[in-house]
N, C-alpha and C. Protein backbone atom coordinates (compact mmCIF):
# COMPACT_ATOMS: atom_id res chain seq x y z
N UNK A 1 69.13 42.11 102.17
CA UNK A 1 69.24 43.35 103.00
C UNK A 1 67.68 43.91 102.50
N UNK A 2 67.05 44.81 102.78
CA UNK A 2 66.56 45.48 102.22
C UNK A 2 67.31 46.31 101.58
N UNK A 3 66.85 47.17 100.23
CA UNK A 3 67.88 47.74 99.69
C UNK A 3 67.61 48.89 100.27
N UNK A 4 68.73 49.97 100.39
CA UNK A 4 69.56 50.93 101.05
C UNK A 4 70.45 51.16 99.61
N UNK A 5 70.25 50.83 97.99
CA UNK A 5 71.50 51.87 96.77
C UNK A 5 71.14 53.18 97.55
N UNK A 6 72.32 54.22 96.94
CA UNK A 6 72.81 55.35 97.38
C UNK A 6 72.17 55.67 95.97
N UNK A 7 72.18 56.96 96.18
CA UNK A 7 71.36 57.70 94.83
C UNK A 7 72.39 58.13 94.27
N UNK A 8 73.91 57.42 93.26
CA UNK A 8 74.65 58.17 93.29
C UNK A 8 74.65 58.83 92.10
N UNK A 9 75.27 60.17 91.43
CA UNK A 9 75.31 60.95 90.31
C UNK A 9 75.88 60.06 89.08
N UNK A 10 76.38 59.26 89.15
CA UNK A 10 76.71 58.24 88.14
C UNK A 10 76.60 56.94 88.60
N UNK A 11 76.61 56.43 87.92
CA UNK A 11 76.83 54.72 88.54
C UNK A 11 78.41 54.06 89.19
N UNK A 12 78.11 53.42 89.87
CA UNK A 12 79.57 53.07 91.11
C UNK A 12 79.58 51.74 91.14
N UNK A 13 80.53 50.38 91.55
CA UNK A 13 80.73 49.34 91.97
C UNK A 13 79.03 49.40 92.19
N UNK A 14 78.56 48.41 92.47
CA UNK A 14 76.81 48.03 92.83
C UNK A 14 77.62 47.41 94.66
N UNK A 15 79.01 47.08 94.83
CA UNK A 15 77.95 46.57 96.06
C UNK A 15 78.86 47.97 96.38
N UNK A 16 79.69 48.82 96.03
CA UNK A 16 80.06 50.32 96.68
C UNK A 16 78.92 51.17 97.21
N UNK A 17 78.14 50.88 96.00
CA UNK A 17 76.46 51.64 95.84
C UNK A 17 75.60 50.54 97.33
N UNK A 18 75.53 49.78 97.47
CA UNK A 18 74.72 48.75 98.07
C UNK A 18 75.27 48.66 99.49
N UNK A 19 76.79 49.64 99.89
CA UNK A 19 77.38 49.69 100.92
C UNK A 19 76.18 50.81 102.27
N UNK A 20 76.14 49.87 103.46
CA UNK A 20 75.74 51.41 104.37
C UNK A 20 75.36 50.47 105.77
N UNK A 21 75.62 51.29 106.87
CA UNK A 21 76.27 51.54 107.96
C UNK A 21 74.84 50.68 108.98
N UNK A 22 73.68 49.67 109.01
CA UNK A 22 72.52 49.39 109.30
C UNK A 22 73.00 49.20 111.06
N UNK A 23 71.83 49.00 111.86
CA UNK A 23 72.01 48.58 112.55
C UNK A 23 71.81 47.44 113.49
N UNK A 24 70.54 47.17 112.44
CA UNK A 24 69.18 46.03 112.92
C UNK A 24 69.64 44.48 112.88
N UNK A 25 70.67 44.02 113.40
CA UNK A 25 71.04 42.66 113.40
C UNK A 25 69.78 42.34 113.76
N UNK A 26 70.40 40.70 112.67
CA UNK A 26 69.22 39.23 113.12
C UNK A 26 70.55 38.36 114.22
N UNK A 27 69.64 38.50 115.67
CA UNK A 27 69.97 37.76 116.39
C UNK A 27 70.64 36.69 116.78
N UNK A 28 69.28 35.66 115.12
CA UNK A 28 69.43 34.18 115.51
C UNK A 28 70.24 33.63 114.17
N UNK A 29 70.64 34.25 113.57
CA UNK A 29 71.85 34.05 112.52
C UNK A 29 73.55 34.10 112.84
N UNK A 30 74.23 32.99 112.17
CA UNK A 30 75.31 33.43 112.73
C UNK A 30 75.92 33.75 110.80
N UNK A 31 77.20 33.67 111.46
CA UNK A 31 77.65 34.10 110.24
C UNK A 31 78.51 33.17 110.01
N UNK A 32 78.45 32.15 108.53
CA UNK A 32 79.58 31.40 107.97
C UNK A 32 81.12 31.10 108.30
N UNK A 33 81.58 30.61 108.69
CA UNK A 33 82.79 29.95 108.31
C UNK A 33 83.83 31.04 107.77
N UNK A 34 83.10 29.88 106.30
CA UNK A 34 83.66 30.09 105.45
C UNK A 34 83.76 31.53 104.51
N UNK A 35 82.18 32.53 105.61
CA UNK A 35 81.90 34.16 104.53
C UNK A 35 83.28 34.25 105.46
N UNK A 36 83.23 34.74 106.43
CA UNK A 36 84.03 35.07 107.72
C UNK A 36 85.46 35.12 107.02
N UNK A 37 86.08 33.59 106.52
CA UNK A 37 87.10 33.88 105.83
C UNK A 37 87.37 34.29 104.36
N UNK A 38 86.51 34.41 103.58
CA UNK A 38 86.48 35.01 102.68
C UNK A 38 86.98 37.07 102.57
N UNK A 39 85.62 37.50 103.93
CA UNK A 39 86.22 38.61 103.55
C UNK A 39 87.58 39.17 104.46
N UNK A 40 87.85 38.32 105.60
CA UNK A 40 88.97 39.10 106.10
C UNK A 40 90.13 38.38 104.91
N UNK A 41 89.99 37.54 103.90
CA UNK A 41 91.02 37.35 102.58
C UNK A 41 91.05 38.44 101.85
N UNK A 42 89.47 39.26 101.77
CA UNK A 42 90.00 40.58 101.20
C UNK A 42 90.60 41.35 101.95
N UNK A 43 90.95 41.33 103.21
CA UNK A 43 91.12 42.65 103.87
C UNK A 43 92.87 42.21 104.07
N UNK A 44 93.01 41.00 103.75
CA UNK A 44 94.87 40.92 103.68
C UNK A 44 94.97 40.93 102.29
N UNK A 45 94.26 41.15 101.31
CA UNK A 45 95.23 42.07 100.12
C UNK A 45 94.79 43.20 99.57
N UNK A 46 94.49 43.78 100.75
CA UNK A 46 94.40 45.70 100.60
C UNK A 46 96.08 46.36 100.35
N UNK A 47 96.19 46.65 99.95
CA UNK A 47 98.03 47.00 99.76
C UNK A 47 98.05 47.91 101.15
N UNK A 48 99.53 48.14 100.99
CA UNK A 48 99.78 49.01 101.92
C UNK A 48 101.16 49.66 102.29
N UNK A 49 101.57 50.78 103.06
CA UNK A 49 102.61 51.40 102.51
C UNK A 49 103.74 50.33 103.10
N UNK A 50 104.93 50.21 102.09
CA UNK A 50 106.07 49.02 101.74
C UNK A 50 105.34 47.65 102.04
N UNK A 51 104.16 47.75 101.63
CA UNK A 51 103.47 45.75 102.13
C UNK A 51 103.87 45.52 103.26
N UNK A 52 103.44 46.90 104.47
CA UNK A 52 103.52 46.32 105.63
C UNK A 52 102.42 45.82 106.27
N UNK A 53 101.45 45.79 105.94
CA UNK A 53 100.29 45.58 106.53
C UNK A 53 99.84 45.34 107.89
N UNK A 54 99.96 46.07 108.28
CA UNK A 54 99.82 46.72 109.61
C UNK A 54 98.43 46.13 110.53
N UNK A 55 97.66 46.21 109.61
CA UNK A 55 95.80 45.39 110.06
C UNK A 55 95.78 44.33 111.44
N UNK A 56 95.56 45.03 113.04
CA UNK A 56 95.27 43.84 114.14
C UNK A 56 94.34 43.52 113.65
N UNK A 57 93.46 42.85 112.93
CA UNK A 57 91.64 42.40 113.67
C UNK A 57 91.63 41.07 114.52
N UNK A 58 90.79 41.66 115.59
CA UNK A 58 90.44 40.68 116.82
C UNK A 58 89.15 39.93 116.52
N UNK A 59 88.37 39.04 116.13
CA UNK A 59 87.22 38.31 115.89
C UNK A 59 86.33 38.02 117.25
N UNK A 60 85.31 38.25 117.42
CA UNK A 60 84.70 38.20 118.45
C UNK A 60 83.11 37.50 118.21
N UNK A 61 83.17 35.85 118.46
CA UNK A 61 82.17 35.43 117.48
C UNK A 61 81.11 34.93 118.99
N UNK A 62 80.25 35.51 118.64
CA UNK A 62 78.69 35.03 119.83
C UNK A 62 78.42 33.61 119.64
N UNK A 63 78.19 33.01 118.45
CA UNK A 63 77.92 31.68 118.37
C UNK A 63 79.31 30.93 119.21
N UNK A 64 80.40 31.43 118.96
CA UNK A 64 82.02 30.39 118.90
C UNK A 64 82.32 30.67 120.48
N UNK A 65 82.37 31.85 120.82
CA UNK A 65 83.36 31.80 121.97
C UNK A 65 82.12 32.90 123.04
N UNK A 66 81.00 32.88 123.44
CA UNK A 66 79.97 33.85 124.04
C UNK A 66 80.74 34.78 124.70
N UNK A 67 81.63 34.11 126.21
CA UNK A 67 81.99 35.10 126.95
C UNK A 67 83.00 36.03 126.41
N UNK A 68 83.91 35.88 125.33
CA UNK A 68 84.74 37.03 125.18
C UNK A 68 84.33 37.78 124.19
N UNK A 69 83.00 37.53 123.35
CA UNK A 69 81.98 38.33 122.74
C UNK A 69 81.07 39.19 123.89
N UNK A 70 81.08 38.90 124.25
CA UNK A 70 80.50 39.52 125.93
C UNK A 70 81.17 41.02 126.38
N UNK A 71 82.68 40.24 126.84
CA UNK A 71 83.48 40.80 126.63
C UNK A 71 83.49 42.24 126.17
N UNK A 72 83.55 41.93 124.83
CA UNK A 72 84.15 43.03 123.90
C UNK A 72 82.67 44.16 123.82
N UNK A 73 81.39 43.68 123.67
CA UNK A 73 79.83 44.13 123.90
C UNK A 73 80.30 45.43 125.29
N UNK A 74 81.01 44.92 126.10
CA UNK A 74 81.45 45.50 127.46
C UNK A 74 82.22 46.53 127.30
N UNK A 75 82.88 46.25 126.27
CA UNK A 75 84.03 48.19 126.06
C UNK A 75 82.82 48.62 124.58
N UNK A 76 81.74 48.60 124.25
CA UNK A 76 81.19 49.72 124.04
C UNK A 76 80.47 50.83 124.92
N UNK A 77 80.83 51.89 124.40
CA UNK A 77 79.69 52.83 125.15
C UNK A 77 78.26 52.08 125.12
N UNK A 78 77.36 52.61 125.85
CA UNK A 78 76.07 52.37 125.95
C UNK A 78 75.47 52.05 124.35
N UNK A 79 75.50 53.52 124.23
CA UNK A 79 74.40 53.96 123.14
C UNK A 79 74.83 52.22 121.52
N UNK A 80 75.53 51.68 121.48
CA UNK A 80 75.95 50.85 120.66
C UNK A 80 75.95 49.49 121.32
N UNK A 81 75.80 49.69 122.48
CA UNK A 81 75.86 48.30 123.43
C UNK A 81 74.58 47.76 122.84
N UNK A 82 73.40 48.89 122.79
CA UNK A 82 71.92 48.58 122.47
C UNK A 82 71.19 47.83 121.63
N UNK A 83 72.14 48.21 120.35
CA UNK A 83 71.86 47.29 119.19
C UNK A 83 72.67 46.76 118.56
N UNK A 84 74.56 46.55 119.24
CA UNK A 84 75.45 45.34 118.19
C UNK A 84 75.50 44.39 119.00
N UNK A 85 74.80 44.27 121.02
CA UNK A 85 75.23 43.15 120.86
C UNK A 85 73.79 42.03 120.24
N UNK A 86 73.05 41.92 119.06
CA UNK A 86 72.48 41.45 118.28
C UNK A 86 73.19 41.16 117.43
N UNK A 87 74.34 41.32 116.87
CA UNK A 87 75.27 41.17 115.88
C UNK A 87 76.06 39.91 116.43
N UNK A 88 76.02 38.70 115.32
CA UNK A 88 76.27 37.86 115.67
C UNK A 88 78.17 37.58 115.89
N UNK A 89 78.95 38.90 115.16
CA UNK A 89 80.39 38.86 115.12
C UNK A 89 80.34 40.41 115.50
N UNK A 90 81.49 40.63 116.75
CA UNK A 90 82.01 41.98 116.67
C UNK A 90 83.79 41.82 115.78
N UNK A 91 83.97 42.69 115.80
CA UNK A 91 85.49 43.07 115.40
C UNK A 91 85.89 43.83 115.68
N UNK A 92 87.27 44.10 116.66
CA UNK A 92 88.37 45.17 117.04
C UNK A 92 89.35 45.01 115.73
N UNK A 93 89.60 46.51 115.14
CA UNK A 93 90.47 46.85 114.24
C UNK A 93 91.59 47.59 115.15
N UNK A 94 92.72 47.08 114.72
CA UNK A 94 93.80 47.65 115.41
C UNK A 94 94.89 47.58 114.31
N UNK A 95 95.90 48.45 114.72
CA UNK A 95 96.56 49.33 113.74
C UNK A 95 97.84 49.33 114.14
N UNK A 96 99.51 48.07 113.73
CA UNK A 96 100.40 47.86 114.79
C UNK A 96 100.97 49.31 113.92
N UNK A 97 101.79 50.62 114.46
CA UNK A 97 102.56 51.53 114.47
C UNK A 97 103.63 51.75 113.85
N UNK A 98 104.38 50.11 114.23
CA UNK A 98 106.27 50.53 113.94
C UNK A 98 106.00 49.43 112.77
N UNK A 99 107.56 50.08 111.92
CA UNK A 99 107.78 49.20 110.91
C UNK A 99 108.24 47.64 111.31
N UNK A 100 108.77 46.25 110.62
CA UNK A 100 109.57 45.45 110.76
C UNK A 100 110.80 46.37 111.24
N UNK A 101 111.56 47.15 110.95
CA UNK A 101 112.39 47.64 111.80
C UNK A 101 112.97 48.40 112.78
N UNK A 102 111.17 48.85 113.56
CA UNK A 102 111.12 49.28 114.84
C UNK A 102 110.68 50.93 114.25
N UNK A 103 111.07 51.48 113.30
CA UNK A 103 110.48 52.99 113.01
C UNK A 103 109.01 52.84 112.98
N UNK A 104 108.52 53.98 113.40
CA UNK A 104 106.72 54.97 112.85
C UNK A 104 106.56 54.25 111.76
N UNK A 105 105.37 54.05 111.57
CA UNK A 105 104.11 53.57 110.55
C UNK A 105 103.50 54.57 110.61
N UNK A 106 103.52 55.92 110.45
CA UNK A 106 103.06 56.77 110.31
C UNK A 106 101.44 56.80 108.87
N UNK A 107 101.70 55.57 108.52
CA UNK A 107 100.03 55.76 107.46
C UNK A 107 99.63 54.03 107.90
N UNK A 108 99.81 53.98 109.43
CA UNK A 108 99.09 52.68 109.70
C UNK A 108 98.08 52.62 109.68
N UNK A 109 97.30 53.72 110.41
CA UNK A 109 95.99 54.09 110.72
C UNK A 109 95.07 53.59 109.44
N UNK A 110 95.63 54.53 107.96
CA UNK A 110 95.31 54.59 107.31
C UNK A 110 95.22 53.42 106.10
N UNK A 111 95.93 52.64 106.41
CA UNK A 111 96.28 51.12 105.73
C UNK A 111 94.98 50.43 106.79
N UNK A 112 95.22 50.36 107.73
CA UNK A 112 94.09 49.79 108.30
C UNK A 112 92.66 49.82 107.90
N UNK A 113 92.62 51.40 107.73
CA UNK A 113 91.23 51.74 107.44
C UNK A 113 90.67 50.99 106.20
N UNK A 114 91.92 51.15 104.71
CA UNK A 114 91.64 50.82 104.09
C UNK A 114 91.08 49.28 103.96
N UNK A 115 91.92 48.46 104.24
CA UNK A 115 91.63 46.83 104.82
C UNK A 115 90.52 46.98 105.24
N UNK A 116 89.69 48.05 106.25
CA UNK A 116 88.26 47.37 106.92
C UNK A 116 87.16 47.87 105.85
N UNK A 117 87.48 49.00 104.61
CA UNK A 117 86.94 48.99 103.28
C UNK A 117 87.00 47.43 102.50
N UNK A 118 88.10 47.41 102.69
CA UNK A 118 87.95 45.49 101.32
C UNK A 118 86.73 44.94 102.70
N UNK A 119 87.48 44.93 103.51
CA UNK A 119 86.47 43.46 104.34
C UNK A 119 84.45 43.64 103.85
N UNK A 120 84.71 45.43 104.12
CA UNK A 120 83.05 45.78 103.96
C UNK A 120 82.29 45.69 102.82
N UNK A 121 83.46 45.44 101.74
CA UNK A 121 82.84 45.55 100.37
C UNK A 121 82.45 44.12 99.97
N UNK A 122 83.56 43.27 100.61
CA UNK A 122 82.80 42.21 100.73
C UNK A 122 81.93 41.25 101.39
N UNK A 123 81.71 41.82 102.10
CA UNK A 123 81.04 41.30 103.32
C UNK A 123 79.63 41.76 102.64
N UNK A 124 79.42 42.94 102.55
CA UNK A 124 78.22 43.77 101.10
C UNK A 124 77.85 42.45 100.20
N UNK A 125 78.97 42.13 99.29
CA UNK A 125 79.04 41.39 97.65
C UNK A 125 78.63 40.20 98.92
N UNK A 126 78.01 39.50 99.73
CA UNK A 126 78.11 37.83 100.45
C UNK A 126 76.66 38.60 100.95
N UNK A 127 76.44 39.70 100.93
CA UNK A 127 75.05 39.64 102.01
C UNK A 127 74.60 40.05 103.09
N UNK A 128 76.18 40.47 103.75
CA UNK A 128 76.37 41.24 105.07
C UNK A 128 76.38 42.56 105.64
N UNK A 129 75.47 42.89 106.60
CA UNK A 129 76.14 44.49 107.03
C UNK A 129 77.43 44.51 107.89
N UNK A 130 77.99 45.25 107.42
CA UNK A 130 79.13 46.19 108.60
C UNK A 130 78.78 47.38 108.55
N UNK A 131 78.61 47.51 110.28
CA UNK A 131 78.49 49.02 110.83
C UNK A 131 80.15 49.16 111.92
N UNK A 132 81.05 49.98 111.53
CA UNK A 132 82.07 50.63 112.03
C UNK A 132 81.96 51.77 113.64
N UNK A 133 82.44 51.11 114.15
CA UNK A 133 81.43 52.38 115.66
C UNK A 133 83.05 52.84 116.42
N UNK A 134 82.88 53.96 116.51
CA UNK A 134 84.18 55.31 116.88
C UNK A 134 83.75 54.78 118.17
N UNK A 135 82.42 54.57 119.11
CA UNK A 135 82.35 54.65 120.16
C UNK A 135 82.35 53.12 121.44
N UNK A 136 83.81 53.30 121.09
CA UNK A 136 84.27 51.99 122.22
C UNK A 136 85.34 52.43 123.18
N UNK A 137 85.14 51.94 124.41
CA UNK A 137 86.63 52.05 125.05
C UNK A 137 88.09 51.53 125.30
N UNK A 138 88.47 52.27 123.96
CA UNK A 138 90.17 51.76 123.46
C UNK A 138 91.06 50.90 124.58
N UNK A 139 91.06 51.67 125.56
CA UNK A 139 91.84 51.65 126.57
C UNK A 139 91.62 50.57 127.42
N UNK A 140 90.53 50.05 127.86
CA UNK A 140 90.27 49.43 128.39
C UNK A 140 89.76 47.95 127.44
N UNK A 141 89.51 48.24 126.38
CA UNK A 141 89.71 46.47 125.37
C UNK A 141 91.56 46.47 125.10
N UNK A 142 91.88 46.96 125.29
CA UNK A 142 93.73 47.00 124.77
C UNK A 142 94.28 46.66 126.00
N UNK A 143 93.46 47.18 127.47
CA UNK A 143 93.89 46.33 129.08
C UNK A 143 93.67 45.21 128.90
N UNK A 144 92.30 44.87 128.57
CA UNK A 144 91.66 43.41 128.66
C UNK A 144 92.82 42.03 127.90
N UNK A 145 93.27 42.85 126.35
CA UNK A 145 93.56 41.61 125.53
C UNK A 145 94.71 41.89 125.54
N UNK A 146 95.72 42.80 126.85
CA UNK A 146 97.10 42.80 126.86
C UNK A 146 97.69 43.28 124.92
N UNK A 147 97.06 44.24 124.60
CA UNK A 147 97.99 44.69 123.50
C UNK A 147 98.73 45.73 123.19
N UNK A 148 100.21 45.68 122.96
CA UNK A 148 100.83 45.99 122.56
C UNK A 148 100.41 47.60 122.63
N UNK A 149 102.11 48.66 123.69
CA UNK A 149 101.40 50.28 123.56
C UNK A 149 101.85 50.66 122.15
N UNK A 150 102.45 49.68 120.95
CA UNK A 150 102.27 50.40 119.83
C UNK A 150 101.43 50.05 119.14
N UNK A 151 100.37 49.42 119.32
CA UNK A 151 99.51 49.04 118.40
C UNK A 151 98.02 49.79 118.87
N UNK A 152 97.44 50.66 117.97
CA UNK A 152 96.54 51.45 118.19
C UNK A 152 95.49 50.89 117.83
N UNK A 153 94.12 50.79 118.98
CA UNK A 153 92.71 50.12 118.53
C UNK A 153 91.72 51.32 118.14
N UNK A 154 91.51 51.38 117.11
CA UNK A 154 90.82 52.16 115.78
C UNK A 154 89.10 52.17 115.63
N UNK A 155 88.75 50.60 116.09
CA UNK A 155 87.50 50.82 115.87
C UNK A 155 86.77 49.58 116.10
N UNK A 156 85.44 49.66 116.73
CA UNK A 156 85.47 48.35 117.01
C UNK A 156 84.21 48.54 115.57
N UNK A 157 83.47 46.80 114.85
CA UNK A 157 82.55 47.03 114.05
C UNK A 157 81.27 45.94 114.36
N UNK A 158 80.63 45.84 113.79
CA UNK A 158 79.54 45.02 114.11
C UNK A 158 79.33 44.41 112.84
N UNK A 159 79.30 42.74 112.40
CA UNK A 159 79.23 42.27 111.15
C UNK A 159 78.30 41.09 111.26
N UNK A 160 77.39 40.94 110.73
CA UNK A 160 76.19 39.93 110.33
C UNK A 160 74.99 40.07 109.92
N UNK A 161 74.33 39.45 109.36
CA UNK A 161 72.91 39.38 108.47
C UNK A 161 71.93 40.58 109.28
N UNK A 162 71.68 41.33 108.45
CA UNK A 162 70.35 42.25 108.51
C UNK A 162 69.07 41.60 109.18
N UNK A 163 68.73 42.26 110.18
CA UNK A 163 67.21 41.76 110.27
C UNK A 163 65.93 42.01 109.07
N UNK A 164 65.22 41.33 108.84
CA UNK A 164 64.00 41.16 107.96
C UNK A 164 63.12 42.61 108.45
N UNK A 165 63.26 43.49 107.32
CA UNK A 165 62.43 44.78 107.38
C UNK A 165 61.16 44.46 108.75
N UNK A 166 60.49 43.74 108.22
CA UNK A 166 58.87 43.54 109.43
C UNK A 166 59.56 43.33 111.16
N UNK A 167 60.51 42.87 111.01
CA UNK A 167 60.90 42.48 112.53
C UNK A 167 61.65 43.77 112.58
N UNK A 168 62.04 44.95 112.61
CA UNK A 168 63.17 45.44 113.02
C UNK A 168 62.23 46.00 114.54
N UNK A 169 62.90 46.39 115.30
CA UNK A 169 62.14 47.38 116.33
C UNK A 169 61.63 48.67 116.04
N UNK A 170 60.50 48.86 117.13
CA UNK A 170 60.40 50.67 116.51
C UNK A 170 62.10 50.95 116.45
N UNK A 171 62.74 50.71 117.99
CA UNK A 171 63.52 52.12 118.43
C UNK A 171 64.80 52.17 117.42
N UNK A 172 64.84 51.32 116.03
CA UNK A 172 65.68 51.48 115.50
C UNK A 172 64.92 51.81 113.78
N UNK A 173 64.24 51.70 114.12
CA UNK A 173 63.34 51.66 112.25
C UNK A 173 63.13 52.97 111.60
N UNK A 174 63.42 53.93 112.39
CA UNK A 174 63.74 55.41 111.73
C UNK A 174 64.79 55.40 111.36
N UNK A 175 65.88 55.11 111.97
CA UNK A 175 67.19 55.00 111.38
C UNK A 175 67.61 54.25 110.16
N UNK A 176 66.86 53.22 110.45
CA UNK A 176 67.42 52.11 109.60
C UNK A 176 66.47 52.21 107.96
N UNK A 177 65.55 53.51 107.80
CA UNK A 177 65.27 53.49 106.59
C UNK A 177 65.40 54.82 106.53
N UNK A 178 66.21 55.90 107.12
CA UNK A 178 66.69 57.23 107.32
C UNK A 178 67.31 57.31 105.61
N UNK A 179 66.95 58.44 104.75
CA UNK A 179 67.65 58.37 104.29
C UNK A 179 69.59 58.46 103.54
N UNK A 180 69.73 57.76 102.92
CA UNK A 180 71.09 58.53 102.82
C UNK A 180 71.35 59.85 101.72
N UNK A 181 72.62 60.38 102.17
CA UNK A 181 73.19 61.26 101.92
C UNK A 181 74.46 61.46 101.83
N UNK A 182 75.23 62.07 101.52
CA UNK A 182 76.36 62.94 100.67
C UNK A 182 76.48 64.42 100.58
N UNK A 183 77.32 64.73 101.17
CA UNK A 183 78.26 66.21 100.78
C UNK A 183 78.27 66.14 99.01
N UNK A 184 78.05 67.08 98.67
CA UNK A 184 78.65 67.64 97.35
C UNK A 184 80.07 66.91 96.90
N UNK A 185 80.17 66.84 95.75
CA UNK A 185 81.40 66.61 95.09
C UNK A 185 82.44 68.17 95.55
N UNK A 186 81.88 69.44 95.52
CA UNK A 186 82.46 70.50 95.29
C UNK A 186 83.39 71.16 96.67
N UNK A 187 82.27 70.17 97.51
CA UNK A 187 83.18 70.42 99.14
C UNK A 187 84.23 69.42 99.62
N UNK A 188 84.61 68.72 99.07
CA UNK A 188 85.40 67.73 99.05
C UNK A 188 86.55 67.00 97.96
N UNK A 189 86.34 67.67 97.11
CA UNK A 189 87.31 67.08 95.93
C UNK A 189 87.60 68.77 95.04
N UNK A 190 89.14 68.29 95.30
CA UNK A 190 89.48 70.26 94.55
C UNK A 190 90.26 69.87 93.23
N UNK A 191 89.70 71.04 92.30
CA UNK A 191 91.07 71.14 91.44
C UNK A 191 92.16 71.79 91.32
N UNK A 192 93.34 70.77 91.05
CA UNK A 192 94.75 71.82 91.01
C UNK A 192 95.18 72.51 91.90
N UNK A 193 94.18 73.22 93.19
CA UNK A 193 94.81 73.79 94.19
C UNK A 193 93.78 73.83 95.41
N UNK A 194 94.12 74.43 96.51
CA UNK A 194 93.20 74.54 97.77
C UNK A 194 92.16 75.27 97.50
N UNK A 195 91.64 76.01 97.91
CA UNK A 195 89.80 74.78 97.50
C UNK A 195 90.04 74.81 96.69
N UNK A 196 89.75 74.63 95.41
CA UNK A 196 89.09 75.17 93.79
C UNK A 196 88.06 73.51 93.87
N UNK A 197 87.55 74.60 94.22
CA UNK A 197 86.60 72.93 93.71
C UNK A 197 86.44 72.04 92.61
N UNK A 198 86.12 70.92 92.32
CA UNK A 198 86.00 69.95 91.34
C UNK A 198 84.15 69.53 91.21
N UNK A 199 83.82 70.48 90.23
CA UNK A 199 82.19 70.00 89.87
C UNK A 199 81.78 69.20 88.87
């Protein structure tokens, strides 16, 4: 991937600094099964409330099952379809909102998000790019896959190798080269009380 390393205030883990949500995927390059398994293994070992492991991931591989992949692309909003269809893999991330005893797991979405972060960091370590999308038709894909009511569809994820910089289409290049930014620490991190900023 071309370098989009975050300009952090202090040094942080390299994979965290280099992780970013690009959109220009190499249409011709498949993700190796062993690499995909390593990313899923990283997600599997994420901590969760009562070790419930509520994440449920459905993988759509364009090279292995084009029909299922096209169905998944069709469940994205149009703006996301335009670039995500080039990714070799789409993943639906969902959360089982019930514990094994049938009680509500109100931490299911939180834990599933953590699992996707684990997957994303392992993907970055392997030289892959992950882009999570809220812009998808959750109800439609839930119906198409006959997903139970107690499982919430949270996000669709594009996964693959980045297109070489000199091949990125003009429609995407400005967004791909855009500066990365974050709010200052004082806007979201507080010291002992709300909202006393931690500088």
